[in-house]
Amino acid sequence: MKPTERYAPPAILLHWLIAGLIIATFIWGLVVSDMPLSPAKFKYIAWHKWAGISVLTLVAVRLVVRLLKQPPALPAHMGNMERLLAHGGHIALYLLMFAVPLTGWLMSSAYGFPVVLFKLVQLPDLVAQNEQLAATLKTVHETLNWIMAACVVGHVLAAVKHHVVDKDGMLFRMSLRGPRQ
């Protein structure tokens, strides 16, 4: 396994922080959706919203970091189709990391439930209260979440393929500890 150029440390930290939040928020959303209506459910929905808005904020910071410090080049052995899939997958993930929290915020606004970040800051409603729009946004939000889950699984499988099959050190480009020497 040859050493490869690594992502910038802020990009690595943001990658793993965002990844952890997305996974936790996705699972938390599934758990909360199956709960009966109760004060506990509203509290847990608030936590889900906090995590979603945190993802949205961190992804905006991550995009700025990516624009300021270009990611390492893809390995020369990758074919055109594999490069296209890699770039397309990253673009899809970025779009979804913005779209999923935004549709959640829109849905919350349309239902007439404010997003109050950490019980401190009430975010503005993005749309007026509208039950029909809220129901549509709920479907869109849920669908985008499942699409993002599929993209995340594809991303992880690609990383494992590079590590196990190609043995090209790609996995270590985003590792918190870097390549083992």
Protein backbone atom coordinates (compact mmCIF):
# COMPACT_ATOMS: atom_id res chain seq x y z
CA MET A 1 0.00 0.00 0.00
CA LYS A 2 1.53 3.27 -1.10
CA PRO A 3 0.99 6.48 0.90
CA THR A 4 -1.38 8.97 -0.67
CA GLU A 5 -1.95 12.68 -0.25
CA ARG A 6 -4.38 13.43 2.56
CA TYR A 7 -7.29 15.80 2.91
CA ALA A 8 -6.70 18.94 5.00
CA PRO A 9 -7.16 18.33 8.75
CA PRO A 10 -10.27 20.59 8.98
CA ALA A 11 -11.85 18.64 6.11
CA ILE A 12 -11.13 15.33 7.85
CA LEU A 13 -12.57 16.51 11.15
CA LEU A 14 -15.69 17.92 9.48
CA HIS A 15 -16.13 14.75 7.40
CA TRP A 16 -16.31 12.51 10.45
CA LEU A 17 -18.34 14.93 12.56
CA ILE A 18 -20.90 15.34 9.77
CA ALA A 19 -20.93 11.59 9.06
CA GLY A 20 -21.61 10.79 12.71
CA LEU A 21 -24.36 13.41 12.92
CA ILE A 22 -26.02 12.20 9.72
CA ILE A 23 -26.06 8.59 10.87
CA ALA A 24 -27.33 9.51 14.34
CA THR A 25 -29.96 11.89 12.95
CA PHE A 26 -31.17 9.31 10.44
CA ILE A 27 -31.52 6.61 13.11
CA TRP A 28 -33.08 9.09 15.54
CA GLY A 29 -35.60 10.12 12.88
CA LEU A 30 -36.62 6.48 12.39
CA VAL A 31 -37.01 5.97 16.14
CA VAL A 32 -39.02 9.17 16.65
CA SER A 33 -41.32 8.50 13.69
CA ASP A 34 -42.51 5.26 15.31
CA MET A 35 -43.20 6.86 18.71
CA PRO A 36 -46.75 7.65 19.80
CA LEU A 37 -47.63 11.33 20.14
CA SER A 38 -46.37 12.51 23.53
CA PRO A 39 -44.31 15.25 25.19
CA ALA A 40 -41.28 12.93 24.92
CA LYS A 41 -41.79 12.64 21.15
CA PHE A 42 -41.81 16.45 20.80
CA LYS A 43 -38.62 16.67 22.85
CA TYR A 44 -36.91 14.04 20.70
CA ILE A 45 -38.11 15.74 17.51
CA ALA A 46 -36.48 18.94 18.80
CA TRP A 47 -33.21 17.04 19.24
CA HIS A 48 -33.57 15.65 15.71
CA LYS A 49 -34.03 19.21 14.41
CA TRP A 50 -30.97 20.44 16.34
CA ALA A 51 -28.85 17.72 14.77
CA GLY A 52 -30.25 18.47 11.31
CA ILE A 53 -29.53 22.19 11.57
CA SER A 54 -26.06 21.35 12.92
CA VAL A 55 -25.46 19.16 9.84
CA LEU A 56 -26.63 21.99 7.58
CA THR A 57 -24.27 24.45 9.27
CA LEU A 58 -21.29 22.09 9.30
CA VAL A 59 -21.82 21.14 5.64
CA ALA A 60 -21.74 24.83 4.71
CA VAL A 61 -18.42 25.14 6.58
CA ARG A 62 -17.18 21.92 4.93
CA LEU A 63 -18.01 23.28 1.49
CA VAL A 64 -16.04 26.45 2.21
CA VAL A 65 -13.08 24.33 3.37
CA ARG A 66 -13.33 22.23 0.20
CA LEU A 67 -13.37 25.35 -1.99
CA LEU A 68 -10.38 26.84 -0.17
CA LYS A 69 -8.31 23.64 -0.11
CA GLN A 70 -8.84 21.35 -3.09
CA PRO A 71 -9.09 17.65 -2.26
CA PRO A 72 -6.25 15.32 -3.23
CA ALA A 73 -6.29 14.02 -6.80
CA LEU A 74 -7.85 10.65 -7.48
CA PRO A 75 -5.38 7.81 -8.07
CA ALA A 76 -4.09 7.44 -11.62
CA HIS A 77 -5.30 3.81 -11.82
CA MET A 78 -8.96 4.86 -11.64
CA GLY A 79 -10.78 4.63 -14.97
CA ASN A 80 -13.07 7.29 -16.40
CA MET A 81 -16.26 5.58 -15.20
CA GLU A 82 -14.90 5.17 -11.68
CA ARG A 83 -13.86 8.85 -11.63
CA LEU A 84 -17.29 9.87 -12.87
CA LEU A 85 -18.96 7.79 -10.16
CA ALA A 86 -16.67 9.24 -7.49
CA HIS A 87 -17.33 12.85 -8.52
CA GLY A 88 -21.05 12.20 -9.04
CA GLY A 89 -21.31 10.51 -5.66
CA HIS A 90 -19.64 13.44 -3.90
CA ILE A 91 -21.89 15.95 -5.67
CA ALA A 92 -24.97 13.89 -4.76
CA LEU A 93 -23.88 13.69 -1.12
CA TYR A 94 -23.30 17.45 -0.90
CA LEU A 95 -26.67 18.21 -2.51
CA LEU A 96 -28.41 15.79 -0.16
CA MET A 97 -26.58 17.09 2.92
CA PHE A 98 -28.13 20.49 2.13
CA ALA A 99 -31.50 19.25 0.83
CA VAL A 100 -32.37 16.87 3.67
CA PRO A 101 -32.06 19.37 6.54
CA LEU A 102 -33.63 22.14 4.45
CA THR A 103 -36.67 20.00 3.61
CA GLY A 104 -36.95 19.13 7.30
CA TRP A 105 -36.89 22.82 8.22
CA LEU A 106 -39.41 23.62 5.47
CA MET A 107 -41.65 20.77 6.67
CA SER A 108 -41.48 21.97 10.25
CA SER A 109 -42.40 25.50 9.14
CA ALA A 110 -45.30 24.21 7.04
CA TYR A 111 -46.61 22.20 10.00
CA GLY A 112 -46.44 25.35 12.12
CA PHE A 113 -43.79 23.96 14.48
CA PRO A 114 -40.86 26.34 14.93
CA VAL A 115 -37.26 25.19 14.83
CA VAL A 116 -35.71 26.37 18.08
CA LEU A 117 -32.01 25.62 18.07
CA PHE A 118 -30.78 24.28 21.44
CA LYS A 119 -33.77 25.95 23.15
CA LEU A 120 -32.00 29.28 22.54
CA VAL A 121 -32.55 30.59 19.03
CA GLN A 122 -35.80 30.35 17.12
CA LEU A 123 -35.03 30.06 13.44
CA PRO A 124 -37.38 31.84 11.04
CA ASP A 125 -40.16 29.91 9.37
CA LEU A 126 -39.23 29.31 5.74
CA VAL A 127 -42.85 28.97 4.56
CA ALA A 128 -46.27 29.78 5.95
CA GLN A 129 -48.21 27.09 7.76
CA ASN A 130 -49.88 24.81 5.21
CA GLU A 131 -50.92 21.23 6.06
CA GLN A 132 -50.97 20.04 2.44
CA LEU A 133 -47.50 21.45 1.77
CA ALA A 134 -46.29 19.95 5.07
CA ALA A 135 -47.49 16.47 4.04
CA THR A 136 -45.74 16.80 0.67
CA LEU A 137 -42.53 18.03 2.32
CA LYS A 138 -42.67 15.12 4.77
CA THR A 139 -42.69 12.69 1.84
CA VAL A 140 -39.88 14.59 0.11
CA HIS A 141 -37.83 14.70 3.34
CA GLU A 142 -38.25 10.97 3.96
CA THR A 143 -37.47 10.07 0.34
CA LEU A 144 -34.33 12.23 0.29
CA ASN A 145 -33.21 10.60 3.54
CA TRP A 146 -33.44 7.13 1.99
CA ILE A 147 -31.62 8.33 -1.13
CA MET A 148 -28.89 9.79 1.08
CA ALA A 149 -28.68 6.53 3.03
CA ALA A 150 -28.13 4.68 -0.26
CA CYS A 151 -25.44 7.19 -1.29
CA VAL A 152 -23.70 6.84 2.07
CA VAL A 153 -23.71 3.04 1.72
CA GLY A 154 -22.26 3.42 -1.79
CA HIS A 155 -19.61 5.81 -0.45
CA VAL A 156 -18.62 3.35 2.29
CA LEU A 157 -18.56 0.41 -0.13
CA ALA A 158 -16.33 2.39 -2.51
CA ALA A 159 -13.93 3.17 0.36
CA VAL A 160 -13.85 -0.51 1.36
CA LYS A 161 -13.25 -1.54 -2.28
CA HIS A 162 -10.28 0.83 -2.50
CA HIS A 163 -8.89 -0.54 0.76
CA VAL A 164 -9.49 -4.27 0.23
CA VAL A 165 -9.37 -4.75 -3.55
CA ASP A 166 -7.25 -1.90 -4.91
CA LYS A 167 -5.05 -1.55 -1.81
CA ASP A 168 -4.33 2.01 -2.95
CA GLY A 169 -4.33 3.81 0.40
CA MET A 170 -7.42 5.86 -0.50
CA LEU A 171 -9.08 5.04 2.81
CA PHE A 172 -6.30 6.77 4.72
CA ARG A 173 -6.78 10.09 2.90
CA MET A 174 -9.73 10.79 5.21
CA SER A 175 -8.54 8.80 8.23
CA LEU A 176 -8.33 10.65 11.54
CA ARG A 177 -4.95 9.01 12.24
CA GLY A 178 -3.52 8.83 8.73
CA PRO A 179 -1.76 5.92 7.05
CA ARG A 180 0.08 3.38 9.13
CA GLN A 181 3.74 3.40 8.22
